[in-house]
Amino acid sequence: MKLSYILLLLLSVTVSGCTSTSFTEDFRINGTIKEVIQEEEMLLIEGTPASGGNLATYEIPVASLYGYEEGQKVEVIVYSNTDADVWHLDNMKFDITLIE
């Protein structure tokens, strides 16, 4: 009897750990690539949120730097899996579109 309770508990913990949080669009950035950081596979993009706001510099990780150059205009859609207003890359995904 105890063994079945232990197995049920382990199964419920395993299943709850396998659920994933979905990402939803948080905001968009319109900007310019200011720097391509090779070592970190990161783009520094200077821009403003499409909804309005102040000019800021954003660090955006990319899977590949191929095709990105300083000076290119981009639109970045920022997705998040949390409601917290923090810039935490573990909770974010990015979709970058070149403009022009």
N, C-alpha and C. Protein backbone atom coordinates (compact mmCIF):
# COMPACT_ATOMS: atom_id res chain seq x y z
N MET A 1 0.82 -1.19 0.00
CA MET A 1 0.00 0.00 0.00
C MET A 1 0.87 1.26 0.00
N LYS A 2 1.90 1.29 0.86
CA LYS A 2 2.78 2.45 0.91
C LYS A 2 3.50 2.64 -0.42
N LEU A 3 3.85 1.53 -1.05
CA LEU A 3 4.56 1.61 -2.33
C LEU A 3 3.70 2.28 -3.39
N SER A 4 2.41 1.99 -3.41
CA SER A 4 1.54 2.62 -4.41
C SER A 4 1.40 4.12 -4.16
N TYR A 5 1.37 4.54 -2.89
CA TYR A 5 1.32 5.97 -2.58
C TYR A 5 2.62 6.67 -3.01
N ILE A 6 3.73 6.01 -2.78
CA ILE A 6 5.02 6.59 -3.17
C ILE A 6 5.10 6.71 -4.69
N LEU A 7 4.68 5.68 -5.40
CA LEU A 7 4.69 5.73 -6.86
C LEU A 7 3.76 6.81 -7.38
N LEU A 8 2.60 6.95 -6.78
CA LEU A 8 1.65 7.99 -7.18
C LEU A 8 2.24 9.37 -6.93
N LEU A 9 2.90 9.55 -5.81
CA LEU A 9 3.53 10.83 -5.49
C LEU A 9 4.65 11.14 -6.49
N LEU A 10 5.48 10.16 -6.79
CA LEU A 10 6.56 10.36 -7.77
C LEU A 10 6.01 10.69 -9.15
N LEU A 11 4.96 10.02 -9.54
CA LEU A 11 4.34 10.28 -10.83
C LEU A 11 3.78 11.69 -10.91
N SER A 12 3.11 12.14 -9.85
CA SER A 12 2.53 13.48 -9.87
C SER A 12 3.62 14.55 -9.88
N VAL A 13 4.72 14.33 -9.18
CA VAL A 13 5.83 15.29 -9.20
C VAL A 13 6.46 15.32 -10.58
N THR A 14 6.64 14.17 -11.19
CA THR A 14 7.24 14.09 -12.52
C THR A 14 6.37 14.78 -13.56
N VAL A 15 5.08 14.53 -13.53
CA VAL A 15 4.17 15.13 -14.50
C VAL A 15 4.10 16.64 -14.32
N SER A 16 4.06 17.11 -13.09
CA SER A 16 4.00 18.56 -12.86
C SER A 16 5.28 19.24 -13.30
N GLY A 17 6.41 18.55 -13.23
CA GLY A 17 7.68 19.12 -13.67
C GLY A 17 7.81 19.14 -15.18
N CYS A 18 7.02 18.36 -15.89
CA CYS A 18 7.10 18.29 -17.34
C CYS A 18 6.25 19.33 -18.05
N THR A 19 5.39 19.99 -17.32
CA THR A 19 4.55 20.98 -17.98
C THR A 19 5.39 22.20 -18.33
N SER A 20 5.10 22.80 -19.45
CA SER A 20 5.87 23.97 -19.87
C SER A 20 4.96 25.19 -19.89
N THR A 21 5.55 26.31 -19.61
CA THR A 21 4.82 27.56 -19.64
C THR A 21 4.86 28.10 -21.06
N SER A 22 3.74 28.54 -21.55
CA SER A 22 3.71 29.04 -22.92
C SER A 22 4.19 30.49 -22.97
N PHE A 23 4.76 30.84 -24.10
CA PHE A 23 5.26 32.19 -24.32
C PHE A 23 4.19 32.99 -25.06
N THR A 24 4.01 34.24 -24.65
CA THR A 24 3.08 35.14 -25.32
C THR A 24 3.82 36.42 -25.68
N GLU A 25 3.32 37.10 -26.71
CA GLU A 25 3.97 38.34 -27.13
C GLU A 25 3.86 39.37 -26.01
N ASP A 26 5.00 39.94 -25.66
CA ASP A 26 5.05 40.94 -24.60
C ASP A 26 5.07 42.35 -25.19
N PHE A 27 6.02 42.60 -26.11
CA PHE A 27 6.09 43.89 -26.79
C PHE A 27 6.98 43.78 -28.01
N ARG A 28 7.03 44.87 -28.79
CA ARG A 28 7.86 44.93 -30.00
C ARG A 28 8.83 46.10 -29.88
N ILE A 29 10.00 45.90 -30.48
CA ILE A 29 11.03 46.94 -30.49
C ILE A 29 11.34 47.28 -31.94
N ASN A 30 11.36 48.56 -32.27
CA ASN A 30 11.83 49.02 -33.58
C ASN A 30 13.17 49.69 -33.34
N GLY A 31 14.21 49.20 -34.02
CA GLY A 31 15.52 49.77 -33.75
C GLY A 31 16.57 49.45 -34.78
N THR A 32 17.81 49.69 -34.38
CA THR A 32 18.98 49.53 -35.24
C THR A 32 20.02 48.68 -34.51
N ILE A 33 20.64 47.76 -35.25
CA ILE A 33 21.72 46.96 -34.66
C ILE A 33 22.92 47.87 -34.47
N LYS A 34 23.34 48.04 -33.23
CA LYS A 34 24.48 48.89 -32.92
C LYS A 34 25.78 48.09 -32.82
N GLU A 35 25.67 46.82 -32.44
CA GLU A 35 26.86 45.99 -32.31
C GLU A 35 26.49 44.52 -32.44
N VAL A 36 27.37 43.77 -33.09
CA VAL A 36 27.22 42.32 -33.20
C VAL A 36 28.33 41.72 -32.33
N ILE A 37 27.95 41.04 -31.26
CA ILE A 37 28.93 40.49 -30.31
C ILE A 37 29.14 39.02 -30.64
N GLN A 38 30.25 38.72 -31.31
CA GLN A 38 30.54 37.37 -31.78
C GLN A 38 30.65 36.36 -30.64
N GLU A 39 31.40 36.71 -29.59
CA GLU A 39 31.69 35.77 -28.50
C GLU A 39 30.44 35.27 -27.79
N GLU A 40 29.45 36.12 -27.69
CA GLU A 40 28.24 35.79 -26.93
C GLU A 40 27.04 35.50 -27.83
N GLU A 41 27.24 35.57 -29.16
CA GLU A 41 26.14 35.44 -30.12
C GLU A 41 24.96 36.31 -29.69
N MET A 42 25.26 37.60 -29.61
CA MET A 42 24.31 38.58 -29.10
C MET A 42 24.32 39.81 -30.00
N LEU A 43 23.14 40.42 -30.14
CA LEU A 43 23.02 41.68 -30.85
C LEU A 43 22.70 42.77 -29.84
N LEU A 44 23.35 43.92 -29.97
CA LEU A 44 22.96 45.10 -29.21
C LEU A 44 22.10 45.94 -30.13
N ILE A 45 20.85 46.11 -29.75
CA ILE A 45 19.90 46.83 -30.58
C ILE A 45 19.45 48.08 -29.83
N GLU A 46 19.61 49.22 -30.48
CA GLU A 46 19.15 50.47 -29.90
C GLU A 46 17.81 50.79 -30.54
N GLY A 47 16.80 50.97 -29.70
CA GLY A 47 15.49 51.23 -30.26
C GLY A 47 14.48 51.62 -29.21
N THR A 48 13.25 51.73 -29.66
CA THR A 48 12.14 52.08 -28.77
C THR A 48 11.04 51.04 -28.92
N PRO A 49 10.29 50.83 -27.86
CA PRO A 49 9.13 49.94 -27.98
C PRO A 49 8.15 50.51 -29.00
N ALA A 50 7.55 49.65 -29.79
CA ALA A 50 6.61 50.09 -30.83
C ALA A 50 5.42 50.83 -30.23
N SER A 51 5.09 50.52 -28.99
CA SER A 51 3.96 51.18 -28.33
C SER A 51 4.32 52.55 -27.79
N GLY A 52 5.58 52.94 -27.95
CA GLY A 52 6.04 54.23 -27.46
C GLY A 52 6.93 54.05 -26.25
N GLY A 53 7.78 54.98 -26.04
CA GLY A 53 8.68 54.89 -24.89
C GLY A 53 10.02 55.52 -25.22
N ASN A 54 10.94 55.39 -24.30
CA ASN A 54 12.25 56.00 -24.44
C ASN A 54 13.21 55.11 -25.22
N LEU A 55 14.17 55.74 -25.86
CA LEU A 55 15.23 55.03 -26.57
C LEU A 55 16.05 54.25 -25.55
N ALA A 56 16.33 52.99 -25.86
CA ALA A 56 17.10 52.13 -24.96
C ALA A 56 17.93 51.16 -25.78
N THR A 57 18.91 50.54 -25.14
CA THR A 57 19.73 49.52 -25.78
C THR A 57 19.35 48.17 -25.19
N TYR A 58 19.08 47.20 -26.08
CA TYR A 58 18.64 45.87 -25.67
C TYR A 58 19.66 44.84 -26.10
N GLU A 59 19.96 43.88 -25.24
CA GLU A 59 20.81 42.75 -25.58
C GLU A 59 19.90 41.60 -26.01
N ILE A 60 20.02 41.20 -27.27
CA ILE A 60 19.16 40.16 -27.82
C ILE A 60 20.03 38.98 -28.26
N PRO A 61 19.86 37.81 -27.63
CA PRO A 61 20.63 36.63 -28.06
C PRO A 61 20.06 36.07 -29.36
N VAL A 62 20.94 35.53 -30.20
CA VAL A 62 20.52 34.91 -31.45
C VAL A 62 21.21 33.55 -31.59
N ALA A 63 20.56 32.64 -32.30
CA ALA A 63 21.14 31.32 -32.52
C ALA A 63 22.31 31.38 -33.50
N SER A 64 22.22 32.31 -34.45
CA SER A 64 23.28 32.49 -35.44
C SER A 64 23.39 33.97 -35.79
N LEU A 65 24.61 34.44 -35.91
CA LEU A 65 24.84 35.84 -36.26
C LEU A 65 24.84 36.07 -37.77
N TYR A 66 24.73 34.99 -38.54
CA TYR A 66 24.75 35.09 -39.99
C TYR A 66 23.63 36.01 -40.49
N GLY A 67 24.00 36.98 -41.30
CA GLY A 67 23.02 37.87 -41.90
C GLY A 67 22.78 39.16 -41.12
N TYR A 68 23.36 39.27 -39.93
CA TYR A 68 23.18 40.49 -39.14
C TYR A 68 24.42 41.36 -39.24
N GLU A 69 24.20 42.66 -39.46
CA GLU A 69 25.30 43.62 -39.55
C GLU A 69 24.93 44.89 -38.80
N GLU A 70 25.95 45.58 -38.31
CA GLU A 70 25.72 46.85 -37.65
C GLU A 70 25.04 47.82 -38.61
N GLY A 71 24.09 48.58 -38.10
CA GLY A 71 23.40 49.57 -38.91
C GLY A 71 22.09 49.08 -39.51
N GLN A 72 21.85 47.77 -39.49
CA GLN A 72 20.59 47.26 -40.05
C GLN A 72 19.41 47.65 -39.17
N LYS A 73 18.31 47.99 -39.81
CA LYS A 73 17.06 48.28 -39.10
C LYS A 73 16.34 46.96 -38.85
N VAL A 74 15.79 46.82 -37.64
CA VAL A 74 15.11 45.58 -37.27
C VAL A 74 13.83 45.87 -36.50
N GLU A 75 12.95 44.89 -36.55
CA GLU A 75 11.81 44.85 -35.64
C GLU A 75 11.97 43.57 -34.83
N VAL A 76 11.88 43.68 -33.52
CA VAL A 76 12.03 42.53 -32.64
C VAL A 76 10.72 42.32 -31.90
N ILE A 77 10.18 41.11 -32.00
CA ILE A 77 9.02 40.76 -31.20
C ILE A 77 9.55 40.00 -29.99
N VAL A 78 9.21 40.51 -28.81
CA VAL A 78 9.68 39.92 -27.56
C VAL A 78 8.55 39.09 -26.96
N TYR A 79 8.84 37.82 -26.72
CA TYR A 79 7.88 36.90 -26.10
C TYR A 79 8.35 36.60 -24.68
N SER A 80 7.42 36.44 -23.77
CA SER A 80 7.76 36.15 -22.39
C SER A 80 6.83 35.07 -21.84
N ASN A 81 7.33 34.32 -20.87
CA ASN A 81 6.49 33.32 -20.22
C ASN A 81 6.19 33.70 -18.77
N THR A 82 6.34 34.99 -18.46
CA THR A 82 6.05 35.48 -17.12
C THR A 82 5.38 36.84 -17.20
N ASP A 83 4.63 37.18 -16.19
CA ASP A 83 3.99 38.49 -16.13
C ASP A 83 4.88 39.53 -15.47
N ALA A 84 5.99 39.09 -14.89
CA ALA A 84 6.90 40.01 -14.21
C ALA A 84 7.55 40.95 -15.23
N ASP A 85 7.74 42.18 -14.83
CA ASP A 85 8.34 43.19 -15.71
C ASP A 85 9.86 43.19 -15.50
N VAL A 86 10.49 42.10 -15.97
CA VAL A 86 11.94 41.95 -15.83
C VAL A 86 12.53 41.50 -17.16
N TRP A 87 13.80 41.84 -17.38
CA TRP A 87 14.52 41.41 -18.58
C TRP A 87 15.36 40.22 -18.16
N HIS A 88 14.76 39.03 -18.21
CA HIS A 88 15.44 37.81 -17.80
C HIS A 88 15.39 36.85 -18.98
N LEU A 89 16.54 36.60 -19.59
CA LEU A 89 16.60 35.85 -20.85
C LEU A 89 16.05 34.43 -20.75
N ASP A 90 16.07 33.84 -19.55
CA ASP A 90 15.51 32.50 -19.39
C ASP A 90 14.00 32.48 -19.59
N ASN A 91 13.37 33.64 -19.47
CA ASN A 91 11.91 33.74 -19.60
C ASN A 91 11.50 34.43 -20.89
N MET A 92 12.43 34.55 -21.84
CA MET A 92 12.13 35.31 -23.05
C MET A 92 12.55 34.58 -24.31
N LYS A 93 11.84 34.89 -25.39
CA LYS A 93 12.20 34.46 -26.74
C LYS A 93 12.07 35.67 -27.64
N PHE A 94 12.79 35.65 -28.76
CA PHE A 94 12.81 36.81 -29.65
C PHE A 94 12.62 36.38 -31.09
N ASP A 95 11.88 37.18 -31.83
CA ASP A 95 11.71 36.99 -33.27
C ASP A 95 12.19 38.28 -33.93
N ILE A 96 13.29 38.19 -34.68
CA ILE A 96 13.91 39.37 -35.28
C ILE A 96 13.64 39.40 -36.77
N THR A 97 13.13 40.53 -37.26
CA THR A 97 12.87 40.72 -38.68
C THR A 97 13.68 41.91 -39.17
N LEU A 98 14.43 41.70 -40.26
CA LEU A 98 15.17 42.81 -40.86
C LEU A 98 14.20 43.69 -41.63
N ILE A 99 14.37 45.00 -41.52
CA ILE A 99 13.52 45.97 -42.21
C ILE A 99 14.36 46.64 -43.29
N GLU A 100 13.83 46.84 -44.46
CA GLU A 100 14.44 47.51 -45.62
C GLU A 100 14.63 46.56 -46.74
